[in-house]
PDB file of N, CA and C in Angstrom:
ATOM      1  N   MET A   1       0.918  -1.112  -0.037  1.00  0.00           N
ATOM      2  CA  MET A   1      -0.013  -0.016   0.011  1.00  0.00           C
ATOM      3  C   MET A   1       0.910   1.193  -0.012  1.00  0.00           C
ATOM      4  N   LEU A   2       0.475   2.141  -0.817  1.00  0.00           N
ATOM      5  CA  LEU A   2       1.343   3.403  -0.927  1.00  0.00           C
ATOM      6  C   LEU A   2       0.958   4.381   0.121  1.00  0.00           C
ATOM      7  N   SER A   3       2.009   4.914   0.791  1.00  0.00           N
ATOM      8  CA  SER A   3       1.713   5.869   1.928  1.00  0.00           C
ATOM      9  C   SER A   3       1.555   7.154   1.301  1.00  0.00           C
ATOM     10  N   ARG A   4       0.529   7.943   1.733  1.00  0.00           N
ATOM     11  CA  ARG A   4       0.235   9.262   1.198  1.00  0.00           C
ATOM     12  C   ARG A   4       0.507  10.275   2.265  1.00  0.00           C
ATOM     13  N   TYR A   5       1.446  10.075   3.173  1.00  0.00           N
ATOM     14  CA  TYR A   5       1.673  10.970   4.208  1.00  0.00           C
ATOM     15  C   TYR A   5       2.332  12.211   3.764  1.00  0.00           C
ATOM     16  N   ASN A   6       1.858  13.381   4.116  1.00  0.00           N
ATOM     17  CA  ASN A   6       2.424  14.619   3.642  1.00  0.00           C
ATOM     18  C   ASN A   6       3.410  15.084   4.633  1.00  0.00           C
ATOM     19  N   TRP A   7       4.743  14.927   4.297  1.00  0.00           N
ATOM     20  CA  TRP A   7       5.743  15.283   5.252  1.00  0.00           C
ATOM     21  C   TRP A   7       5.836  16.831   5.286  1.00  0.00           C
ATOM     22  N   ASP A   8       5.512  17.596   4.298  1.00  0.00           N
ATOM     23  CA  ASP A   8       5.591  19.103   4.448  1.00  0.00           C
ATOM     24  C   ASP A   8       4.500  19.642   5.349  1.00  0.00           C
ATOM     25  N   MET A   9       3.320  19.039   5.285  1.00  0.00           N
ATOM     26  CA  MET A   9       2.256  19.491   6.096  1.00  0.00           C
ATOM     27  C   MET A   9       2.528  19.104   7.532  1.00  0.00           C
ATOM     28  N   ALA A  10       3.197  17.933   7.867  1.00  0.00           N
ATOM     29  CA  ALA A  10       3.523  17.502   9.102  1.00  0.00           C
ATOM     30  C   ALA A  10       4.629  18.477   9.743  1.00  0.00           C
ATOM     31  N   ASP A  11       5.502  18.879   8.929  1.00  0.00           N
ATOM     32  CA  ASP A  11       6.572  19.783   9.433  1.00  0.00           C
ATOM     33  C   ASP A  11       5.995  21.213   9.781  1.00  0.00           C
ATOM     34  N   THR A  12       5.006  21.603   8.879  1.00  0.00           N
ATOM     35  CA  THR A  12       4.440  22.916   9.273  1.00  0.00           C
ATOM     36  C   THR A  12       3.551  22.902  10.501  1.00  0.00           C
ATOM     37  N   THR A  13       2.812  21.766  10.673  1.00  0.00           N
ATOM     38  CA  THR A  13       2.026  21.564  11.854  1.00  0.00           C
ATOM     39  C   THR A  13       2.889  21.459  13.100  1.00  0.00           C
ATOM     40  N   GLN A  14       3.961  20.743  12.959  1.00  0.00           N
ATOM     41  CA  GLN A  14       4.868  20.692  14.069  1.00  0.00           C
ATOM     42  C   GLN A  14       5.483  22.052  14.481  1.00  0.00           C
ATOM     43  N   SER A  15       5.848  22.754  13.371  1.00  0.00           N
ATOM     44  CA  SER A  15       6.425  24.087  13.671  1.00  0.00           C
ATOM     45  C   SER A  15       5.344  24.971  14.350  1.00  0.00           C
ATOM     46  N   VAL A  16       4.126  24.970  13.948  1.00  0.00           N
ATOM     47  CA  VAL A  16       3.101  25.759  14.418  1.00  0.00           C
ATOM     48  C   VAL A  16       2.842  25.500  15.858  1.00  0.00           C
ATOM     49  N   LEU A  17       2.811  24.148  16.175  1.00  0.00           N
ATOM     50  CA  LEU A  17       2.532  23.783  17.596  1.00  0.00           C
ATOM     51  C   LEU A  17       3.758  24.102  18.430  1.00  0.00           C
ATOM     52  N   THR A  18       4.900  23.978  17.921  1.00  0.00           N
ATOM     53  CA  THR A  18       6.203  24.241  18.691  1.00  0.00           C
ATOM     54  C   THR A  18       6.223  25.688  19.077  1.00  0.00           C
ATOM     55  N   VAL A  19       5.857  26.618  18.251  1.00  0.00           N
ATOM     56  CA  VAL A  19       5.841  28.000  18.544  1.00  0.00           C
ATOM     57  C   VAL A  19       4.562  28.429  19.128  1.00  0.00           C
ATOM     58  N   GLY A  20       3.432  27.908  18.717  1.00  0.00           N
ATOM     59  CA  GLY A  20       2.178  28.420  19.158  1.00  0.00           C
ATOM     60  C   GLY A  20       1.794  28.008  20.589  1.00  0.00           C
ATOM     61  N   MET A  21       2.079  26.869  21.021  1.00  0.00           N
ATOM     62  CA  MET A  21       1.691  26.405  22.369  1.00  0.00           C
ATOM     63  C   MET A  21       2.367  27.200  23.441  1.00  0.00           C
ATOM     64  N   PRO A  22       3.731  27.387  23.378  1.00  0.00           N
ATOM     65  CA  PRO A  22       4.394  28.238  24.457  1.00  0.00           C
ATOM     66  C   PRO A  22       3.863  29.682  24.380  1.00  0.00           C
ATOM     67  N   THR A  23       3.655  30.200  23.180  1.00  0.00           N
ATOM     68  CA  THR A  23       3.124  31.588  23.062  1.00  0.00           C
ATOM     69  C   THR A  23       1.836  31.692  23.649  1.00  0.00           C
ATOM     70  N   LEU A  24       0.949  30.789  23.424  1.00  0.00           N
ATOM     71  CA  LEU A  24      -0.400  30.737  23.998  1.00  0.00           C
ATOM     72  C   LEU A  24      -0.296  30.642  25.525  1.00  0.00           C
ATOM     73  N   ALA A  25       0.637  29.841  26.043  1.00  0.00           N
ATOM     74  CA  ALA A  25       0.860  29.659  27.502  1.00  0.00           C
ATOM     75  C   ALA A  25       1.286  30.954  28.108  1.00  0.00           C
ATOM     76  N   VAL A  26       2.156  31.688  27.515  1.00  0.00           N
ATOM     77  CA  VAL A  26       2.712  32.856  28.001  1.00  0.00           C
ATOM     78  C   VAL A  26       1.605  34.001  27.931  1.00  0.00           C
ATOM     79  N   LEU A  27       0.710  34.019  26.936  1.00  0.00           N
ATOM     80  CA  LEU A  27      -0.287  34.925  26.846  1.00  0.00           C
ATOM     81  C   LEU A  27      -1.352  34.685  27.940  1.00  0.00           C
ATOM     82  N   VAL A  28      -1.704  33.460  28.149  1.00  0.00           N
ATOM     83  CA  VAL A  28      -2.610  33.186  29.270  1.00  0.00           C
ATOM     84  C   VAL A  28      -1.946  33.584  30.704  1.00  0.00           C
ATOM     85  N   GLY A  29      -0.657  33.296  30.734  1.00  0.00           N
ATOM     86  CA  GLY A  29       0.079  33.717  31.985  1.00  0.00           C
ATOM     87  C   GLY A  29      -0.007  35.203  32.225  1.00  0.00           C
ATOM     88  N   ILE A  30       0.143  36.005  31.160  1.00  0.00           N
ATOM     89  CA  ILE A  30       0.145  37.466  31.176  1.00  0.00           C
ATOM     90  C   ILE A  30      -1.256  37.897  31.644  1.00  0.00           C
ATOM     91  N   LEU A  31      -2.308  37.272  30.996  1.00  0.00           N
ATOM     92  CA  LEU A  31      -3.616  37.690  31.419  1.00  0.00           C
ATOM     93  C   LEU A  31      -3.975  37.340  32.863  1.00  0.00           C
ATOM     94  N   VAL A  32      -3.521  36.164  33.348  1.00  0.00           N
ATOM     95  CA  VAL A  32      -3.752  35.833  34.759  1.00  0.00           C
ATOM     96  C   VAL A  32      -3.029  36.741  35.668  1.00  0.00           C
ATOM     97  N   ASN A  33      -1.850  37.085  35.294  1.00  0.00           N
ATOM     98  CA  ASN A  33      -1.071  38.058  36.224  1.00  0.00           C
ATOM     99  C   ASN A  33      -1.679  39.418  36.171  1.00  0.00           C
ATOM    100  N   ASN A  34      -2.193  39.906  35.013  1.00  0.00           N
ATOM    101  CA  ASN A  34      -2.859  41.185  34.981  1.00  0.00           C
ATOM    102  C   ASN A  34      -4.121  41.177  35.807  1.00  0.00           C
ATOM    103  N   SER A  35      -4.876  40.154  35.822  1.00  0.00           N
ATOM    104  CA  SER A  35      -6.066  40.080  36.668  1.00  0.00           C
ATOM    105  C   SER A  35      -5.693  40.125  38.117  1.00  0.00           C
ATOM    106  N   ARG A  36      -4.619  39.408  38.434  1.00  0.00           N
ATOM    107  CA  ARG A  36      -4.176  39.380  39.777  1.00  0.00           C
ATOM    108  C   ARG A  36      -3.668  40.767  40.273  1.00  0.00           C
ATOM    109  N   LEU A  37      -2.994  41.390  39.369  1.00  0.00           N
ATOM    110  CA  LEU A  37      -2.447  42.837  39.747  1.00  0.00           C
ATOM    111  C   LEU A  37      -3.756  43.732  39.924  1.00  0.00           C
ATOM    112  N   SER A  38      -4.807  43.621  39.114  1.00  0.00           N
ATOM    113  CA  SER A  38      -6.018  44.276  39.308  1.00  0.00           C
ATOM    114  C   SER A  38      -6.594  44.088  40.658  1.00  0.00           C
ATOM    115  N   ASP A  39      -6.647  42.772  41.025  1.00  0.00           N
ATOM    116  CA  ASP A  39      -7.162  42.419  42.356  1.00  0.00           C
ATOM    117  C   ASP A  39      -6.384  43.093  43.458  1.00  0.00           C
ATOM    118  N   LEU A  40      -5.028  42.998  43.298  1.00  0.00           N
ATOM    119  CA  LEU A  40      -4.189  43.576  44.288  1.00  0.00           C
ATOM    120  C   LEU A  40      -4.314  45.010  44.311  1.00  0.00           C
ATOM    121  N   LYS A  41      -4.475  45.729  43.205  1.00  0.00           N
ATOM    122  CA  LYS A  41      -4.642  47.201  43.236  1.00  0.00           C
ATOM    123  C   LYS A  41      -6.018  47.529  43.911  1.00  0.00           C
ATOM    124  N   SER A  42      -7.040  46.763  43.679  1.00  0.00           N
ATOM    125  CA  SER A  42      -8.388  47.184  44.373  1.00  0.00           C
ATOM    126  C   SER A  42      -8.225  46.881  45.829  1.00  0.00           C
ATOM    127  N   TYR A  43      -7.594  45.847  46.211  1.00  0.00           N
ATOM    128  CA  TYR A  43      -7.363  45.490  47.682  1.00  0.00           C
ATOM    129  C   TYR A  43      -6.609  46.592  48.377  1.00  0.00           C
ATOM    130  N   MET A  44      -5.536  47.113  47.672  1.00  0.00           N
ATOM    131  CA  MET A  44      -4.729  48.190  48.300  1.00  0.00           C
ATOM    132  C   MET A  44      -5.532  49.399  48.304  1.00  0.00           C
ATOM    133  N   GLU A  45      -6.291  49.714  47.374  1.00  0.00           N
ATOM    134  CA  GLU A  45      -7.044  50.927  47.326  1.00  0.00           C
ATOM    135  C   GLU A  45      -8.043  50.915  48.550  1.00  0.00           C
ATOM    136  N   GLY A  46      -8.619  49.786  48.802  1.00  0.00           N
ATOM    137  CA  GLY A  46      -9.488  49.692  49.957  1.00  0.00           C
ATOM    138  C   GLY A  46      -8.813  49.799  51.271  1.00  0.00           C
ATOM    139  N   ARG A  47      -7.604  49.250  51.347  1.00  0.00           N
ATOM    140  CA  ARG A  47      -6.887  49.374  52.601  1.00  0.00           C
ATOM    141  C   ARG A  47      -6.425  50.804  52.787  1.00  0.00           C
ATOM    142  N   PHE A  48      -6.040  51.485  51.759  1.00  0.00           N
ATOM    143  CA  PHE A  48      -5.598  52.843  51.917  1.00  0.00           C
ATOM    144  C   PHE A  48      -6.766  53.789  52.245  1.00  0.00           C
ATOM    145  N   ALA A  49      -7.899  53.509  51.654  1.00  0.00           N
ATOM    146  CA  ALA A  49      -9.108  54.300  52.101  1.00  0.00           C
ATOM    147  C   ALA A  49      -9.479  54.079  53.545  1.00  0.00           C
ATOM    148  N   ALA A  50      -9.368  52.869  54.008  1.00  0.00           N
ATOM    149  CA  ALA A  50      -9.604  52.489  55.453  1.00  0.00           C
ATOM    150  C   ALA A  50      -8.594  53.331  56.314  1.00  0.00           C
ATOM    151  N   LEU A  51      -7.366  53.222  55.930  1.00  0.00           N
ATOM    152  CA  LEU A  51      -6.343  53.883  56.741  1.00  0.00           C
ATOM    153  C   LEU A  51      -6.571  55.433  56.738  1.00  0.00           C
ATOM    154  N   GLU A  52      -7.011  55.988  55.577  1.00  0.00           N
ATOM    155  CA  GLU A  52      -7.200  57.380  55.534  1.00  0.00           C
ATOM    156  C   GLU A  52      -8.389  57.752  56.457  1.00  0.00           C
ATOM    157  N   ARG A  53      -9.437  56.917  56.534  1.00  0.00           N
ATOM    158  CA  ARG A  53     -10.512  57.179  57.458  1.00  0.00           C
ATOM    159  C   ARG A  53     -10.117  57.159  58.898  1.00  0.00           C
ATOM    160  N   VAL A  54      -9.242  56.251  59.197  1.00  0.00           N
ATOM    161  CA  VAL A  54      -8.743  56.101  60.598  1.00  0.00           C
ATOM    162  C   VAL A  54      -7.874  57.304  60.895  1.00  0.00           C
ATOM    163  N   ILE A  55      -6.982  57.742  60.069  1.00  0.00           N
ATOM    164  CA  ILE A  55      -6.204  58.915  60.321  1.00  0.00           C
ATOM    165  C   ILE A  55      -6.981  60.165  60.400  1.00  0.00           C
ATOM    166  N   ASP A  56      -8.025  60.359  59.551  1.00  0.00           N
ATOM    167  CA  ASP A  56      -8.862  61.491  59.602  1.00  0.00           C
ATOM    168  C   ASP A  56      -9.565  61.470  60.924  1.00  0.00           C
ATOM    169  N   ALA A  57     -10.120  60.359  61.479  1.00  0.00           N
ATOM    170  CA  ALA A  57     -10.789  60.324  62.656  1.00  0.00           C
ATOM    171  C   ALA A  57      -9.901  60.734  63.837  1.00  0.00           C
ATOM    172  N   ARG A  58      -8.679  60.243  63.791  1.00  0.00           N
ATOM    173  CA  ARG A  58      -7.691  60.597  64.897  1.00  0.00           C
ATOM    174  C   ARG A  58      -7.420  62.015  64.858  1.00  0.00           C
ATOM    175  N   PHE A  59      -7.240  62.581  63.636  1.00  0.00           N
ATOM    176  CA  PHE A  59      -6.929  64.024  63.538  1.00  0.00           C
ATOM    177  C   PHE A  59      -8.131  64.845  64.125  1.00  0.00           C
ATOM    178  N   ALA A  60      -9.325  64.388  63.905  1.00  0.00           N
ATOM    179  CA  ALA A  60     -10.545  65.112  64.361  1.00  0.00           C
ATOM    180  C   ALA A  60     -10.579  64.985  65.872  1.00  0.00           C
ATOM    181  N   GLU A  61     -10.248  63.789  66.362  1.00  0.00           N
ATOM    182  CA  GLU A  61     -10.200  63.712  67.848  1.00  0.00           C
ATOM    183  C   GLU A  61      -9.180  64.539  68.437  1.00  0.00           C
ATOM    184  N   GLN A  62      -7.965  64.688  67.844  1.00  0.00           N
ATOM    185  CA  GLN A  62      -6.868  65.536  68.436  1.00  0.00           C
ATOM    186  C   GLN A  62      -7.260  67.081  68.283  1.00  0.00           C
ATOM    187  N   LYS A  63      -7.982  67.385  67.169  1.00  0.00           N
ATOM    188  CA  LYS A  63      -8.428  68.763  67.062  1.00  0.00           C
ATOM    189  C   LYS A  63      -9.427  69.139  68.114  1.00  0.00           C
ATOM    190  N   ALA A  64     -10.349  68.215  68.405  1.00  0.00           N
ATOM    191  CA  ALA A  64     -11.321  68.505  69.463  1.00  0.00           C
ATOM    192  C   ALA A  64     -10.667  68.550  70.750  1.00  0.00           C
ATOM    193  N   GLU A  65      -9.701  67.727  71.019  1.00  0.00           N
ATOM    194  CA  GLU A  65      -9.036  67.739  72.365  1.00  0.00           C
ATOM    195  C   GLU A  65      -8.201  69.122  72.445  1.00  0.00           C
ATOM    196  N   LEU A  66      -7.542  69.497  71.361  1.00  0.00           N
ATOM    197  CA  LEU A  66      -6.792  70.755  71.469  1.00  0.00           C
ATOM    198  C   LEU A  66      -7.820  71.969  71.622  1.00  0.00           C
ATOM    199  N   LEU A  67      -8.960  71.921  71.023  1.00  0.00           N
ATOM    200  CA  LEU A  67      -9.903  73.015  71.195  1.00  0.00           C
ATOM    201  C   LEU A  67     -10.418  73.058  72.654  1.00  0.00           C
ATOM    202  N   ARG A  68     -10.569  71.877  73.255  1.00  0.00           N
ATOM    203  CA  ARG A  68     -10.963  71.769  74.553  1.00  0.00           C
ATOM    204  C   ARG A  68      -9.900  72.378  75.612  1.00  0.00           C
ATOM    205  N   VAL A  69      -8.610  72.029  75.318  1.00  0.00           N
ATOM    206  CA  VAL A  69      -7.603  72.518  76.086  1.00  0.00           C
ATOM    207  C   VAL A  69      -7.441  74.099  75.875  1.00  0.00           C
ATOM    208  N   GLU A  70      -7.583  74.478  74.735  1.00  0.00           N
ATOM    209  CA  GLU A  70      -7.661  76.010  74.399  1.00  0.00           C
ATOM    210  C   GLU A  70      -8.726  76.714  75.193  1.00  0.00           C
ATOM    211  N   GLN A  71      -9.841  76.080  75.247  1.00  0.00           N
ATOM    212  CA  GLN A  71     -11.027  76.760  75.934  1.00  0.00           C
ATOM    213  C   GLN A  71     -10.720  76.832  77.439  1.00  0.00           C
ATOM    214  N   VAL A  72     -10.139  75.719  77.990  1.00  0.00           N
ATOM    215  CA  VAL A  72      -9.881  75.672  79.408  1.00  0.00           C
ATOM    216  C   VAL A  72      -8.714  76.746  79.765  1.00  0.00           C
ATOM    217  N   MET A  73      -7.687  76.793  78.927  1.00  0.00           N
ATOM    218  CA  MET A  73      -6.690  77.784  79.114  1.00  0.00           C
ATOM    219  C   MET A  73      -7.270  79.172  79.042  1.00  0.00           C
ATOM    220  N   ASP A  74      -8.085  79.401  78.045  1.00  0.00           N
ATOM    221  CA  ASP A  74      -8.751  80.703  77.906  1.00  0.00           C
ATOM    222  C   ASP A  74      -9.526  81.127  79.083  1.00  0.00           C
ATOM    223  N   ALA A  75     -10.336  80.139  79.688  1.00  0.00           N
ATOM    224  CA  ALA A  75     -11.126  80.334  80.815  1.00  0.00           C
ATOM    225  C   ALA A  75     -10.209  80.727  82.055  1.00  0.00           C
ATOM    226  N   ARG A  76      -9.037  80.049  82.145  1.00  0.00           N
ATOM    227  CA  ARG A  76      -8.054  80.271  83.332  1.00  0.00           C
ATOM    228  C   ARG A  76      -7.525  81.599  83.140  1.00  0.00           C
ATOM    229  N   LEU A  77      -7.040  81.972  82.046  1.00  0.00           N
ATOM    230  CA  LEU A  77      -6.451  83.292  81.714  1.00  0.00           C
ATOM    231  C   LEU A  77      -7.512  84.399  81.869  1.00  0.00           C
ATOM    232  N   ARG A  78      -8.713  84.175  81.535  1.00  0.00           N
ATOM    233  CA  ARG A  78      -9.771  85.230  81.884  1.00  0.00           C
ATOM    234  C   ARG A  78      -9.979  85.272  83.322  1.00  0.00           C
ATOM    235  N   HIS A  79      -9.954  84.228  84.081  1.00  0.00           N
ATOM    236  CA  HIS A  79     -10.149  84.256  85.564  1.00  0.00           C
ATOM    237  C   HIS A  79      -9.019  85.060  86.137  1.00  0.00           C
ATOM    238  N   LEU A  80      -7.774  84.681  85.729  1.00  0.00           N
ATOM    239  CA  LEU A  80      -6.616  85.466  86.231  1.00  0.00           C
ATOM    240  C   LEU A  80      -6.702  86.952  86.002  1.00  0.00           C
ATOM    241  N   GLU A  81      -7.144  87.297  84.766  1.00  0.00           N
ATOM    242  CA  GLU A  81      -7.206  88.673  84.441  1.00  0.00           C
ATOM    243  C   GLU A  81      -8.247  89.443  85.222  1.00  0.00           C
ATOM    244  N   GLU A  82      -9.428  88.771  85.511  1.00  0.00           N
ATOM    245  CA  GLU A  82     -10.494  89.309  86.300  1.00  0.00           C
ATOM    246  C   GLU A  82     -10.130  89.515  87.731  1.00  0.00           C
ATOM    247  N   ASN A  83      -9.376  88.626  88.262  1.00  0.00           N
ATOM    248  CA  ASN A  83      -8.984  88.685  89.703  1.00  0.00           C
ATOM    249  C   ASN A  83      -7.696  89.461  89.992  1.00  0.00           C
ATOM    250  N   ARG A  84      -7.196  90.162  89.054  1.00  0.00           N
ATOM    251  CA  ARG A  84      -5.959  90.955  89.173  1.00  0.00           C
ATOM    252  C   ARG A  84      -6.087  92.203  89.882  1.00  0.00           C
TER     253      ARG A  84
END
């Protein structure tokens, strides 16, 4: 029986698979890493937003405390000036 195997087509197919499969694997890896980086970015944005809220709250507390101290000192100074 006469073999009708096409060697040129087999070489072309092998070349395409040799180049194409690793290229496809690299592209899939890039896409997966890109999605992971997007997840990391959104996670970090959430963490920074939470940290910003905590810092803002602490500054507000400190401002209120300083305002209270200022009022106490003002009252004491007023008392001293009146009793002079």
